[in-house]
Amino acid sequence: MITPKNLVEYSSVGLVIAASGLAGHFASQGMTMVQWAGAAAAVLGSITVAVAVRVWAPAPAEVRQRD
C-alpha cells in the first residue's frame, strides 16, 4: 500500500531525476554560463527538497512507541 510518506519521498526522487535530466539535456545542446548556474541551482534545489523530505518527516508510530 502506498502511504503519503512514500508518495512524497518517491516524488522528491522524481524531481531530482527530472531536474538532472533536463539540465543534462540542455547542457548537451550548449548553454551559457548563466544557464549553467541556473541549471546547477535547480539541481541543488531539488536535492535539497529530497533531503528535507527525509530529514524532517515525522517518525513512524512504531518507532515512537519503542523509544
PDB file of N, CA and C in Angstrom:
ATOM      1  N   MET A   1       0.838  -1.179   0.000  1.00  0.00           N
ATOM      2  CA  MET A   1       0.000   0.000   0.000  1.00  0.00           C
ATOM      3  C   MET A   1       0.884   1.243   0.000  1.00  0.00           C
ATOM      4  N   ILE A   2       0.510   2.217  -0.774  1.00  0.00           N
ATOM      5  CA  ILE A   2       1.285   3.450  -0.868  1.00  0.00           C
ATOM      6  C   ILE A   2       0.809   4.412   0.212  1.00  0.00           C
ATOM      7  N   THR A   3       1.740   4.822   1.063  1.00  0.00           N
ATOM      8  CA  THR A   3       1.426   5.785   2.107  1.00  0.00           C
ATOM      9  C   THR A   3       1.775   7.182   1.610  1.00  0.00           C
ATOM     10  N   PRO A   4       1.225   8.207   2.235  1.00  0.00           N
ATOM     11  CA  PRO A   4       1.571   9.572   1.823  1.00  0.00           C
ATOM     12  C   PRO A   4       3.074   9.853   1.938  1.00  0.00           C
ATOM     13  N   LYS A   5       3.710   9.280   2.959  1.00  0.00           N
ATOM     14  CA  LYS A   5       5.146   9.500   3.128  1.00  0.00           C
ATOM     15  C   LYS A   5       5.925   8.897   1.961  1.00  0.00           C
ATOM     16  N   ASN A   6       5.552   7.682   1.535  1.00  0.00           N
ATOM     17  CA  ASN A   6       6.218   7.066   0.393  1.00  0.00           C
ATOM     18  C   ASN A   6       5.998   7.874  -0.874  1.00  0.00           C
ATOM     19  N   LEU A   7       4.786   8.383  -1.046  1.00  0.00           N
ATOM     20  CA  LEU A   7       4.473   9.183  -2.223  1.00  0.00           C
ATOM     21  C   LEU A   7       5.337  10.436  -2.279  1.00  0.00           C
ATOM     22  N   VAL A   8       5.498  11.099  -1.149  1.00  0.00           N
ATOM     23  CA  VAL A   8       6.325  12.311  -1.100  1.00  0.00           C
ATOM     24  C   VAL A   8       7.789  11.976  -1.351  1.00  0.00           C
ATOM     25  N   GLU A   9       8.280  10.889  -0.756  1.00  0.00           N
ATOM     26  CA  GLU A   9       9.683  10.520  -0.949  1.00  0.00           C
ATOM     27  C   GLU A   9       9.972  10.172  -2.404  1.00  0.00           C
ATOM     28  N   TYR A  10       9.103   9.374  -3.019  1.00  0.00           N
ATOM     29  CA  TYR A  10       9.327   8.999  -4.413  1.00  0.00           C
ATOM     30  C   TYR A  10       9.137  10.191  -5.349  1.00  0.00           C
ATOM     31  N   SER A  11       8.248  11.101  -5.005  1.00  0.00           N
ATOM     32  CA  SER A  11       8.067  12.300  -5.818  1.00  0.00           C
ATOM     33  C   SER A  11       9.304  13.188  -5.758  1.00  0.00           C
ATOM     34  N   SER A  12       9.935  13.268  -4.589  1.00  0.00           N
ATOM     35  CA  SER A  12      11.143  14.082  -4.487  1.00  0.00           C
ATOM     36  C   SER A  12      12.293  13.455  -5.282  1.00  0.00           C
ATOM     37  N   VAL A  13      12.341  12.134  -5.320  1.00  0.00           N
ATOM     38  CA  VAL A  13      13.345  11.457  -6.151  1.00  0.00           C
ATOM     39  C   VAL A  13      13.079  11.750  -7.629  1.00  0.00           C
ATOM     40  N   GLY A  14      11.805  11.731  -8.012  1.00  0.00           N
ATOM     41  CA  GLY A  14      11.437  12.062  -9.384  1.00  0.00           C
ATOM     42  C   GLY A  14      11.817  13.481  -9.747  1.00  0.00           C
ATOM     43  N   LEU A  15      11.682  14.397  -8.792  1.00  0.00           N
ATOM     44  CA  LEU A  15      12.079  15.785  -9.019  1.00  0.00           C
ATOM     45  C   LEU A  15      13.572  15.895  -9.279  1.00  0.00           C
ATOM     46  N   VAL A  16      14.369  15.175  -8.502  1.00  0.00           N
ATOM     47  CA  VAL A  16      15.829  15.197  -8.707  1.00  0.00           C
ATOM     48  C   VAL A  16      16.181  14.629 -10.080  1.00  0.00           C
ATOM     49  N   ILE A  17      15.552  13.528 -10.453  1.00  0.00           N
ATOM     50  CA  ILE A  17      15.843  12.903 -11.745  1.00  0.00           C
ATOM     51  C   ILE A  17      15.420  13.822 -12.885  1.00  0.00           C
ATOM     52  N   ALA A  18      14.255  14.439 -12.761  1.00  0.00           N
ATOM     53  CA  ALA A  18      13.772  15.332 -13.817  1.00  0.00           C
ATOM     54  C   ALA A  18      14.666  16.562 -13.962  1.00  0.00           C
ATOM     55  N   ALA A  19      15.042  17.179 -12.848  1.00  0.00           N
ATOM     56  CA  ALA A  19      15.895  18.372 -12.911  1.00  0.00           C
ATOM     57  C   ALA A  19      17.266  18.027 -13.472  1.00  0.00           C
ATOM     58  N   SER A  20      17.816  16.904 -13.049  1.00  0.00           N
ATOM     59  CA  SER A  20      19.130  16.495 -13.558  1.00  0.00           C
ATOM     60  C   SER A  20      19.064  16.138 -15.037  1.00  0.00           C
ATOM     61  N   GLY A  21      18.006  15.442 -15.419  1.00  0.00           N
ATOM     62  CA  GLY A  21      17.852  15.067 -16.825  1.00  0.00           C
ATOM     63  C   GLY A  21      17.685  16.269 -17.732  1.00  0.00           C
ATOM     64  N   LEU A  22      16.864  17.225 -17.307  1.00  0.00           N
ATOM     65  CA  LEU A  22      16.687  18.435 -18.114  1.00  0.00           C
ATOM     66  C   LEU A  22      17.975  19.245 -18.192  1.00  0.00           C
ATOM     67  N   ALA A  23      18.682  19.352 -17.068  1.00  0.00           N
ATOM     68  CA  ALA A  23      19.949  20.089 -17.077  1.00  0.00           C
ATOM     69  C   ALA A  23      20.956  19.413 -18.005  1.00  0.00           C
ATOM     70  N   GLY A  24      21.034  18.097 -17.942  1.00  0.00           N
ATOM     71  CA  GLY A  24      21.955  17.376 -18.823  1.00  0.00           C
ATOM     72  C   GLY A  24      21.568  17.483 -20.284  1.00  0.00           C
ATOM     73  N   HIS A  25      20.276  17.432 -20.563  1.00  0.00           N
ATOM     74  CA  HIS A  25      19.812  17.534 -21.944  1.00  0.00           C
ATOM     75  C   HIS A  25      20.177  18.890 -22.548  1.00  0.00           C
ATOM     76  N   PHE A  26      19.883  19.956 -21.819  1.00  0.00           N
ATOM     77  CA  PHE A  26      20.181  21.279 -22.343  1.00  0.00           C
ATOM     78  C   PHE A  26      21.675  21.578 -22.316  1.00  0.00           C
ATOM     79  N   ALA A  27      22.410  20.952 -21.406  1.00  0.00           N
ATOM     80  CA  ALA A  27      23.860  21.127 -21.394  1.00  0.00           C
ATOM     81  C   ALA A  27      24.481  20.505 -22.643  1.00  0.00           C
ATOM     82  N   SER A  28      23.916  19.404 -23.103  1.00  0.00           N
ATOM     83  CA  SER A  28      24.452  18.761 -24.301  1.00  0.00           C
ATOM     84  C   SER A  28      24.196  19.590 -25.551  1.00  0.00           C
ATOM     85  N   GLN A  29      23.213  20.462 -25.496  1.00  0.00           N
ATOM     86  CA  GLN A  29      22.925  21.325 -26.636  1.00  0.00           C
ATOM     87  C   GLN A  29      23.703  22.626 -26.583  1.00  0.00           C
ATOM     88  N   GLY A  30      24.364  22.889 -25.489  1.00  0.00           N
ATOM     89  CA  GLY A  30      25.164  24.100 -25.329  1.00  0.00           C
ATOM     90  C   GLY A  30      24.428  25.140 -24.505  1.00  0.00           C
ATOM     91  N   MET A  31      25.048  25.568 -23.436  1.00  0.00           N
ATOM     92  CA  MET A  31      24.440  26.569 -22.558  1.00  0.00           C
ATOM     93  C   MET A  31      25.470  27.638 -22.231  1.00  0.00           C
ATOM     94  N   THR A  32      24.987  28.833 -21.918  1.00  0.00           N
ATOM     95  CA  THR A  32      25.873  29.901 -21.461  1.00  0.00           C
ATOM     96  C   THR A  32      26.180  29.669 -19.980  1.00  0.00           C
ATOM     97  N   MET A  33      27.082  30.455 -19.454  1.00  0.00           N
ATOM     98  CA  MET A  33      27.442  30.310 -18.038  1.00  0.00           C
ATOM     99  C   MET A  33      26.269  30.640 -17.114  1.00  0.00           C
ATOM    100  N   VAL A  34      25.442  31.596 -17.509  1.00  0.00           N
ATOM    101  CA  VAL A  34      24.274  31.940 -16.696  1.00  0.00           C
ATOM    102  C   VAL A  34      23.289  30.773 -16.686  1.00  0.00           C
ATOM    103  N   GLN A  35      23.114  30.130 -17.823  1.00  0.00           N
ATOM    104  CA  GLN A  35      22.230  28.968 -17.883  1.00  0.00           C
ATOM    105  C   GLN A  35      22.795  27.802 -17.071  1.00  0.00           C
ATOM    106  N   TRP A  36      24.120  27.641 -17.106  1.00  0.00           N
ATOM    107  CA  TRP A  36      24.752  26.602 -16.279  1.00  0.00           C
ATOM    108  C   TRP A  36      24.492  26.860 -14.804  1.00  0.00           C
ATOM    109  N   ALA A  37      24.603  28.131 -14.401  1.00  0.00           N
ATOM    110  CA  ALA A  37      24.366  28.472 -12.998  1.00  0.00           C
ATOM    111  C   ALA A  37      22.913  28.191 -12.608  1.00  0.00           C
ATOM    112  N   GLY A  38      21.982  28.513 -13.490  1.00  0.00           N
ATOM    113  CA  GLY A  38      20.578  28.234 -13.222  1.00  0.00           C
ATOM    114  C   GLY A  38      20.297  26.748 -13.136  1.00  0.00           C
ATOM    115  N   ALA A  39      20.911  25.970 -14.024  1.00  0.00           N
ATOM    116  CA  ALA A  39      20.725  24.517 -14.002  1.00  0.00           C
ATOM    117  C   ALA A  39      21.313  23.921 -12.723  1.00  0.00           C
ATOM    118  N   ALA A  40      22.470  24.405 -12.326  1.00  0.00           N
ATOM    119  CA  ALA A  40      23.084  23.915 -11.092  1.00  0.00           C
ATOM    120  C   ALA A  40      22.215  24.264  -9.887  1.00  0.00           C
ATOM    121  N   ALA A  41      21.646  25.461  -9.885  1.00  0.00           N
ATOM    122  CA  ALA A  41      20.765  25.855  -8.785  1.00  0.00           C
ATOM    123  C   ALA A  41      19.512  24.986  -8.752  1.00  0.00           C
ATOM    124  N   ALA A  42      18.973  24.650  -9.919  1.00  0.00           N
ATOM    125  CA  ALA A  42      17.781  23.796  -9.973  1.00  0.00           C
ATOM    126  C   ALA A  42      18.078  22.398  -9.450  1.00  0.00           C
ATOM    127  N   VAL A  43      19.221  21.846  -9.837  1.00  0.00           N
ATOM    128  CA  VAL A  43      19.580  20.505  -9.380  1.00  0.00           C
ATOM    129  C   VAL A  43      19.853  20.511  -7.873  1.00  0.00           C
ATOM    130  N   LEU A  44      20.599  21.489  -7.407  1.00  0.00           N
ATOM    131  CA  LEU A  44      20.871  21.569  -5.967  1.00  0.00           C
ATOM    132  C   LEU A  44      19.595  21.823  -5.172  1.00  0.00           C
ATOM    133  N   GLY A  45      18.685  22.616  -5.713  1.00  0.00           N
ATOM    134  CA  GLY A  45      17.412  22.855  -5.049  1.00  0.00           C
ATOM    135  C   GLY A  45      16.578  21.590  -4.939  1.00  0.00           C
ATOM    136  N   SER A  46      16.558  20.798  -6.002  1.00  0.00           N
ATOM    137  CA  SER A  46      15.784  19.559  -5.956  1.00  0.00           C
ATOM    138  C   SER A  46      16.417  18.550  -4.996  1.00  0.00           C
ATOM    139  N   ILE A  47      17.729  18.532  -4.917  1.00  0.00           N
ATOM    140  CA  ILE A  47      18.399  17.663  -3.946  1.00  0.00           C
ATOM    141  C   ILE A  47      18.088  18.128  -2.526  1.00  0.00           C
ATOM    142  N   THR A  48      18.034  19.439  -2.320  1.00  0.00           N
ATOM    143  CA  THR A  48      17.684  19.977  -1.009  1.00  0.00           C
ATOM    144  C   THR A  48      16.276  19.555  -0.602  1.00  0.00           C
ATOM    145  N   VAL A  49      15.347  19.588  -1.547  1.00  0.00           N
ATOM    146  CA  VAL A  49      13.978  19.147  -1.265  1.00  0.00           C
ATOM    147  C   VAL A  49      13.969  17.671  -0.875  1.00  0.00           C
ATOM    148  N   ALA A  50      14.714  16.842  -1.610  1.00  0.00           N
ATOM    149  CA  ALA A  50      14.740  15.410  -1.320  1.00  0.00           C
ATOM    150  C   ALA A  50      15.326  15.132   0.068  1.00  0.00           C
ATOM    151  N   VAL A  51      16.365  15.847   0.422  1.00  0.00           N
ATOM    152  CA  VAL A  51      16.971  15.657   1.745  1.00  0.00           C
ATOM    153  C   VAL A  51      16.028  16.159   2.841  1.00  0.00           C
ATOM    154  N   ALA A  52      15.398  17.294   2.612  1.00  0.00           N
ATOM    155  CA  ALA A  52      14.494  17.862   3.619  1.00  0.00           C
ATOM    156  C   ALA A  52      13.308  16.947   3.869  1.00  0.00           C
ATOM    157  N   VAL A  53      12.795  16.321   2.821  1.00  0.00           N
ATOM    158  CA  VAL A  53      11.665  15.403   2.982  1.00  0.00           C
ATOM    159  C   VAL A  53      12.054  14.239   3.881  1.00  0.00           C
ATOM    160  N   ARG A  54      13.253  13.743   3.730  1.00  0.00           N
ATOM    161  CA  ARG A  54      13.672  12.595   4.522  1.00  0.00           C
ATOM    162  C   ARG A  54      14.082  12.974   5.941  1.00  0.00           C
ATOM    163  N   VAL A  55      14.653  14.152   6.118  1.00  0.00           N
ATOM    164  CA  VAL A  55      15.126  14.558   7.442  1.00  0.00           C
ATOM    165  C   VAL A  55      13.979  15.053   8.311  1.00  0.00           C
ATOM    166  N   TRP A  56      13.064  15.843   7.750  1.00  0.00           N
ATOM    167  CA  TRP A  56      12.018  16.464   8.541  1.00  0.00           C
ATOM    168  C   TRP A  56      10.739  15.652   8.606  1.00  0.00           C
ATOM    169  N   ALA A  57      10.699  14.516   7.971  1.00  0.00           N
ATOM    170  CA  ALA A  57       9.484  13.694   8.005  1.00  0.00           C
ATOM    171  C   ALA A  57       9.315  13.128   9.413  1.00  0.00           C
ATOM    172  N   PRO A  58       8.092  13.112   9.923  1.00  0.00           N
ATOM    173  CA  PRO A  58       7.880  12.543  11.267  1.00  0.00           C
ATOM    174  C   PRO A  58       8.162  11.044  11.277  1.00  0.00           C
ATOM    175  N   ALA A  59       8.608  10.586  12.413  1.00  0.00           N
ATOM    176  CA  ALA A  59       8.919   9.162  12.551  1.00  0.00           C
ATOM    177  C   ALA A  59       7.632   8.347  12.550  1.00  0.00           C
ATOM    178  N   PRO A  60       7.699   7.133  12.025  1.00  0.00           N
ATOM    179  CA  PRO A  60       6.513   6.277  12.063  1.00  0.00           C
ATOM    180  C   PRO A  60       6.076   5.981  13.503  1.00  0.00           C
ATOM    181  N   ALA A  61       4.831   5.616  13.687  1.00  0.00           N
ATOM    182  CA  ALA A  61       4.271   5.393  15.024  1.00  0.00           C
ATOM    183  C   ALA A  61       4.982   4.246  15.740  1.00  0.00           C
ATOM    184  N   GLU A  62       5.398   3.209  15.002  1.00  0.00           N
ATOM    185  CA  GLU A  62       6.070   2.071  15.644  1.00  0.00           C
ATOM    186  C   GLU A  62       7.381   2.484  16.287  1.00  0.00           C
ATOM    187  N   VAL A  63       8.108   3.377  15.629  1.00  0.00           N
ATOM    188  CA  VAL A  63       9.404   3.809  16.152  1.00  0.00           C
ATOM    189  C   VAL A  63       9.194   4.649  17.396  1.00  0.00           C
ATOM    190  N   ARG A  64       8.211   5.519  17.382  1.00  0.00           N
ATOM    191  CA  ARG A  64       7.949   6.368  18.541  1.00  0.00           C
ATOM    192  C   ARG A  64       7.516   5.561  19.755  1.00  0.00           C
ATOM    193  N   GLN A  65       6.800   4.471  19.553  1.00  0.00           N
ATOM    194  CA  GLN A  65       6.350   3.674  20.670  1.00  0.00           C
ATOM    195  C   GLN A  65       7.497   2.910  21.320  1.00  0.00           C
ATOM    196  N   ARG A  66       8.503   2.522  20.543  1.00  0.00           N
ATOM    197  CA  ARG A  66       9.624   1.774  21.120  1.00  0.00           C
ATOM    198  C   ARG A  66      10.556   2.653  21.916  1.00  0.00           C
ATOM    199  N   ASP A  67      10.643   3.961  21.602  1.00  0.00           N
ATOM    200  CA  ASP A  67      11.578   4.846  22.290  1.00  0.00           C
ATOM    201  C   ASP A  67      11.162   5.178  23.693  1.00  0.00           C
TER     202      ASP A  67
END
